Amino acid sequence: MKLKIPMIGGICQSTQGRDKGRYYLIKLIYPDGSVGVVDGNFKKLATPKRKNIKHVRLLPEKAETIALKLIDGRQVFDTEVYSALKGYNCPKPEVEQ
């Protein structure tokens, strides 16, 4: 299932740029159609990375608890975002032959 509309708290993957392949959580949706993404490690909540919506692949998964906090204006910590994305951004173990 391919999503076309970004949601706050949604998970996306970068498809362009030097961060290609990295997973992010959507923090902001700008009026021009771009999104502000964070990963809790390299891009913190205080300074989200602005990405064009064409340069991200939206996933059907969503971090519900973080999304509710962001929408309500409650404080979210970088460690929460990092742990929500931990399963996505961890490197795959190489298989020796």
N, C-alpha and C. Protein backbone atom coordinates (compact mmCIF):
# COMPACT_ATOMS: atom_id res chain seq x y z
N MET A 1 0.84 -1.18 0.00
CA MET A 1 0.00 0.00 0.00
C MET A 1 0.88 1.24 0.00
N LYS A 2 0.69 2.11 -0.95
CA LYS A 2 1.49 3.31 -1.07
C LYS A 2 0.69 4.51 -0.58
N LEU A 3 1.28 5.24 0.34
CA LEU A 3 0.62 6.43 0.87
C LEU A 3 1.02 7.64 0.05
N LYS A 4 0.12 8.60 -0.08
CA LYS A 4 0.41 9.82 -0.82
C LYS A 4 0.32 11.06 0.04
N ILE A 5 -0.37 10.94 1.18
CA ILE A 5 -0.57 12.09 2.06
C ILE A 5 0.25 11.89 3.33
N PRO A 6 1.17 12.81 3.63
CA PRO A 6 1.97 12.66 4.85
C PRO A 6 1.13 12.94 6.09
N MET A 7 1.46 12.23 7.19
CA MET A 7 0.78 12.43 8.47
C MET A 7 1.84 12.73 9.53
N ILE A 8 1.51 13.58 10.47
CA ILE A 8 2.42 13.84 11.58
C ILE A 8 2.55 12.56 12.38
N GLY A 9 3.80 12.17 12.65
CA GLY A 9 4.06 10.93 13.36
C GLY A 9 4.25 9.74 12.43
N GLY A 10 4.06 9.96 11.14
CA GLY A 10 4.25 8.89 10.16
C GLY A 10 5.73 8.62 9.93
N ILE A 11 6.03 7.42 9.48
CA ILE A 11 7.41 7.03 9.22
C ILE A 11 7.64 7.07 7.72
N CYS A 12 8.80 7.61 7.34
CA CYS A 12 9.13 7.70 5.92
C CYS A 12 10.60 7.35 5.71
N GLN A 13 10.94 7.06 4.47
CA GLN A 13 12.31 6.72 4.11
C GLN A 13 12.79 7.71 3.05
N SER A 14 13.99 8.22 3.23
CA SER A 14 14.57 9.16 2.27
C SER A 14 14.96 8.41 1.00
N THR A 15 14.61 8.97 -0.16
CA THR A 15 14.96 8.34 -1.43
C THR A 15 15.97 9.16 -2.22
N GLN A 16 16.28 10.37 -1.78
CA GLN A 16 17.22 11.24 -2.47
C GLN A 16 18.14 11.91 -1.46
N GLY A 17 19.32 12.28 -1.93
CA GLY A 17 20.27 13.01 -1.09
C GLY A 17 21.27 12.09 -0.43
N ARG A 18 22.16 12.69 0.35
CA ARG A 18 23.19 11.88 0.98
C ARG A 18 22.66 11.03 2.13
N ASP A 19 21.44 11.30 2.57
CA ASP A 19 20.81 10.50 3.61
C ASP A 19 19.92 9.42 3.02
N LYS A 20 20.10 9.10 1.75
CA LYS A 20 19.26 8.12 1.04
C LYS A 20 19.23 6.79 1.81
N GLY A 21 18.02 6.28 2.01
CA GLY A 21 17.85 5.01 2.71
C GLY A 21 17.58 5.15 4.20
N ARG A 22 17.78 6.33 4.76
CA ARG A 22 17.57 6.55 6.19
C ARG A 22 16.08 6.76 6.47
N TYR A 23 15.64 6.24 7.60
CA TYR A 23 14.24 6.36 8.00
C TYR A 23 14.06 7.54 8.94
N TYR A 24 12.95 8.23 8.80
CA TYR A 24 12.65 9.41 9.61
C TYR A 24 11.21 9.36 10.09
N LEU A 25 10.94 10.19 11.08
CA LEU A 25 9.59 10.41 11.59
C LEU A 25 9.17 11.81 11.17
N ILE A 26 7.96 11.96 10.67
CA ILE A 26 7.49 13.27 10.20
C ILE A 26 7.02 14.09 11.40
N LYS A 27 7.68 15.24 11.59
CA LYS A 27 7.32 16.13 12.69
C LYS A 27 6.42 17.27 12.22
N LEU A 28 6.72 17.83 11.05
CA LEU A 28 5.99 18.98 10.53
C LEU A 28 5.56 18.74 9.09
N ILE A 29 4.47 19.37 8.70
CA ILE A 29 4.06 19.40 7.30
C ILE A 29 3.94 20.87 6.91
N TYR A 30 4.78 21.29 5.98
CA TYR A 30 4.81 22.69 5.56
C TYR A 30 3.75 22.95 4.50
N PRO A 31 3.28 24.19 4.38
CA PRO A 31 2.23 24.51 3.40
C PRO A 31 2.65 24.28 1.95
N ASP A 32 3.95 24.34 1.65
CA ASP A 32 4.40 24.16 0.27
C ASP A 32 4.51 22.69 -0.13
N GLY A 33 4.17 21.78 0.78
CA GLY A 33 4.18 20.36 0.45
C GLY A 33 5.40 19.62 0.94
N SER A 34 6.37 20.32 1.52
CA SER A 34 7.52 19.62 2.07
C SER A 34 7.23 19.21 3.52
N VAL A 35 8.07 18.33 4.04
CA VAL A 35 7.88 17.83 5.41
C VAL A 35 9.14 18.08 6.22
N GLY A 36 8.97 18.24 7.52
CA GLY A 36 10.08 18.34 8.45
C GLY A 36 10.25 16.99 9.13
N VAL A 37 11.42 16.37 8.95
CA VAL A 37 11.63 15.02 9.45
C VAL A 37 12.74 15.00 10.51
N VAL A 38 12.60 14.07 11.45
CA VAL A 38 13.59 13.91 12.53
C VAL A 38 13.87 12.41 12.70
N ASP A 39 15.07 12.12 13.23
CA ASP A 39 15.38 10.72 13.54
C ASP A 39 15.86 10.53 14.97
N GLY A 40 15.99 11.61 15.74
CA GLY A 40 16.38 11.50 17.13
C GLY A 40 17.86 11.32 17.34
N ASN A 41 18.63 11.14 16.27
CA ASN A 41 20.07 10.93 16.38
C ASN A 41 20.81 12.02 15.62
N PHE A 42 20.74 12.02 14.30
CA PHE A 42 21.41 13.02 13.50
C PHE A 42 20.57 14.27 13.34
N LYS A 43 19.29 14.11 13.16
CA LYS A 43 18.38 15.24 13.05
C LYS A 43 17.49 15.25 14.29
N LYS A 44 17.72 16.23 15.13
CA LYS A 44 17.00 16.33 16.41
C LYS A 44 15.67 17.05 16.22
N LEU A 45 14.82 16.95 17.23
CA LEU A 45 13.51 17.59 17.21
C LEU A 45 13.60 19.11 17.13
N ALA A 46 14.67 19.68 17.68
CA ALA A 46 14.82 21.13 17.68
C ALA A 46 15.11 21.67 16.28
N THR A 47 15.75 20.87 15.41
CA THR A 47 16.09 21.31 14.06
C THR A 47 15.73 20.23 13.04
N PRO A 48 14.45 20.12 12.70
CA PRO A 48 14.05 19.07 11.74
C PRO A 48 14.62 19.35 10.35
N LYS A 49 14.86 18.28 9.61
CA LYS A 49 15.36 18.39 8.24
C LYS A 49 14.17 18.59 7.31
N ARG A 50 14.27 19.58 6.45
CA ARG A 50 13.19 19.86 5.50
C ARG A 50 13.43 19.02 4.24
N LYS A 51 12.46 18.16 3.91
CA LYS A 51 12.57 17.30 2.73
C LYS A 51 11.36 17.52 1.83
N ASN A 52 11.61 17.55 0.54
CA ASN A 52 10.53 17.61 -0.44
C ASN A 52 9.76 16.30 -0.37
N ILE A 53 8.46 16.35 -0.46
CA ILE A 53 7.63 15.14 -0.36
C ILE A 53 7.95 14.16 -1.49
N LYS A 54 8.46 14.66 -2.60
CA LYS A 54 8.85 13.79 -3.71
C LYS A 54 10.10 12.98 -3.39
N HIS A 55 10.85 13.41 -2.39
CA HIS A 55 12.12 12.76 -2.05
C HIS A 55 12.03 11.82 -0.86
N VAL A 56 10.81 11.49 -0.45
CA VAL A 56 10.62 10.52 0.63
C VAL A 56 9.59 9.49 0.21
N ARG A 57 9.75 8.28 0.74
CA ARG A 57 8.77 7.21 0.52
C ARG A 57 8.00 7.06 1.82
N LEU A 58 6.70 7.32 1.77
CA LEU A 58 5.86 7.25 2.97
C LEU A 58 5.51 5.80 3.26
N LEU A 59 5.68 5.39 4.50
CA LEU A 59 5.35 4.04 4.92
C LEU A 59 3.99 4.05 5.61
N PRO A 60 3.28 2.92 5.60
CA PRO A 60 1.97 2.88 6.26
C PRO A 60 2.06 2.89 7.78
N GLU A 61 3.24 2.65 8.34
CA GLU A 61 3.39 2.64 9.80
C GLU A 61 3.37 4.06 10.36
N LYS A 62 2.97 4.15 11.63
CA LYS A 62 2.89 5.43 12.31
C LYS A 62 3.24 5.22 13.77
N ALA A 63 3.98 6.15 14.36
CA ALA A 63 4.29 6.11 15.78
C ALA A 63 3.16 6.85 16.50
N GLU A 64 2.17 6.08 16.95
CA GLU A 64 0.94 6.66 17.50
C GLU A 64 1.17 7.55 18.72
N THR A 65 1.95 7.07 19.69
CA THR A 65 2.12 7.84 20.92
C THR A 65 2.87 9.14 20.66
N ILE A 66 3.88 9.09 19.80
CA ILE A 66 4.62 10.31 19.48
C ILE A 66 3.75 11.26 18.67
N ALA A 67 2.94 10.72 17.75
CA ALA A 67 2.05 11.56 16.95
C ALA A 67 1.06 12.31 17.84
N LEU A 68 0.49 11.62 18.81
CA LEU A 68 -0.46 12.28 19.72
C LEU A 68 0.22 13.40 20.52
N LYS A 69 1.45 13.14 20.97
CA LYS A 69 2.17 14.17 21.72
C LYS A 69 2.48 15.38 20.85
N LEU A 70 2.91 15.15 19.60
CA LEU A 70 3.23 16.26 18.70
C LEU A 70 1.98 17.08 18.38
N ILE A 71 0.86 16.41 18.15
CA ILE A 71 -0.38 17.11 17.82
C ILE A 71 -0.89 17.91 19.02
N ASP A 72 -0.79 17.34 20.23
CA ASP A 72 -1.26 18.02 21.43
C ASP A 72 -0.31 19.11 21.90
N GLY A 73 0.91 19.14 21.37
CA GLY A 73 1.89 20.14 21.79
C GLY A 73 2.65 19.76 23.03
N ARG A 74 2.56 18.48 23.42
CA ARG A 74 3.31 18.03 24.58
C ARG A 74 4.77 17.78 24.20
N GLN A 75 5.63 17.71 25.22
CA GLN A 75 7.05 17.54 24.97
C GLN A 75 7.38 16.12 24.52
N VAL A 76 8.17 16.03 23.46
CA VAL A 76 8.65 14.76 22.94
C VAL A 76 10.17 14.80 23.03
N PHE A 77 10.77 13.71 23.43
CA PHE A 77 12.22 13.65 23.55
C PHE A 77 12.83 12.93 22.35
N ASP A 78 14.08 13.31 22.04
CA ASP A 78 14.79 12.67 20.93
C ASP A 78 14.96 11.18 21.16
N THR A 79 15.08 10.77 22.41
CA THR A 79 15.25 9.34 22.69
C THR A 79 14.00 8.54 22.33
N GLU A 80 12.83 9.15 22.48
CA GLU A 80 11.58 8.48 22.08
C GLU A 80 11.55 8.24 20.57
N VAL A 81 11.95 9.26 19.82
CA VAL A 81 11.97 9.15 18.36
C VAL A 81 13.00 8.11 17.93
N TYR A 82 14.18 8.18 18.56
CA TYR A 82 15.25 7.25 18.22
C TYR A 82 14.84 5.80 18.48
N SER A 83 14.19 5.56 19.60
CA SER A 83 13.78 4.19 19.92
C SER A 83 12.64 3.72 19.02
N ALA A 84 11.78 4.65 18.56
CA ALA A 84 10.71 4.27 17.65
C ALA A 84 11.26 3.87 16.28
N LEU A 85 12.36 4.48 15.88
CA LEU A 85 12.96 4.21 14.57
C LEU A 85 14.11 3.21 14.63
N LYS A 86 14.41 2.71 15.81
CA LYS A 86 15.57 1.83 15.99
C LYS A 86 15.51 0.60 15.10
N GLY A 87 14.36 -0.01 14.97
CA GLY A 87 14.23 -1.20 14.15
C GLY A 87 14.40 -0.93 12.67
N TYR A 88 14.15 0.30 12.24
CA TYR A 88 14.28 0.65 10.83
C TYR A 88 15.71 1.02 10.46
N ASN A 89 16.38 1.83 11.29
CA ASN A 89 17.68 2.38 10.95
C ASN A 89 18.87 1.51 11.34
N CYS A 90 18.64 0.43 12.06
CA CYS A 90 19.79 -0.38 12.45
C CYS A 90 20.35 -1.10 11.22
N PRO A 91 21.68 -1.17 11.10
CA PRO A 91 22.28 -1.82 9.93
C PRO A 91 22.01 -3.30 9.92
N LYS A 92 21.83 -3.86 8.73
CA LYS A 92 21.59 -5.28 8.58
C LYS A 92 22.91 -6.04 8.78
N PRO A 93 22.91 -7.13 9.55
CA PRO A 93 24.15 -7.89 9.73
C PRO A 93 24.57 -8.57 8.43
N GLU A 94 25.86 -8.49 8.15
CA GLU A 94 26.37 -9.11 6.94
C GLU A 94 26.56 -10.59 7.17
N VAL A 95 26.23 -11.38 6.17
CA VAL A 95 26.35 -12.82 6.26
C VAL A 95 27.68 -13.23 5.63
N GLU A 96 28.51 -13.92 6.41
CA GLU A 96 29.79 -14.39 5.87
C GLU A 96 29.60 -15.69 5.14
N GLN A 97 30.31 -15.85 4.04
CA GLN A 97 30.19 -17.08 3.28
C GLN A 97 31.50 -17.80 3.22
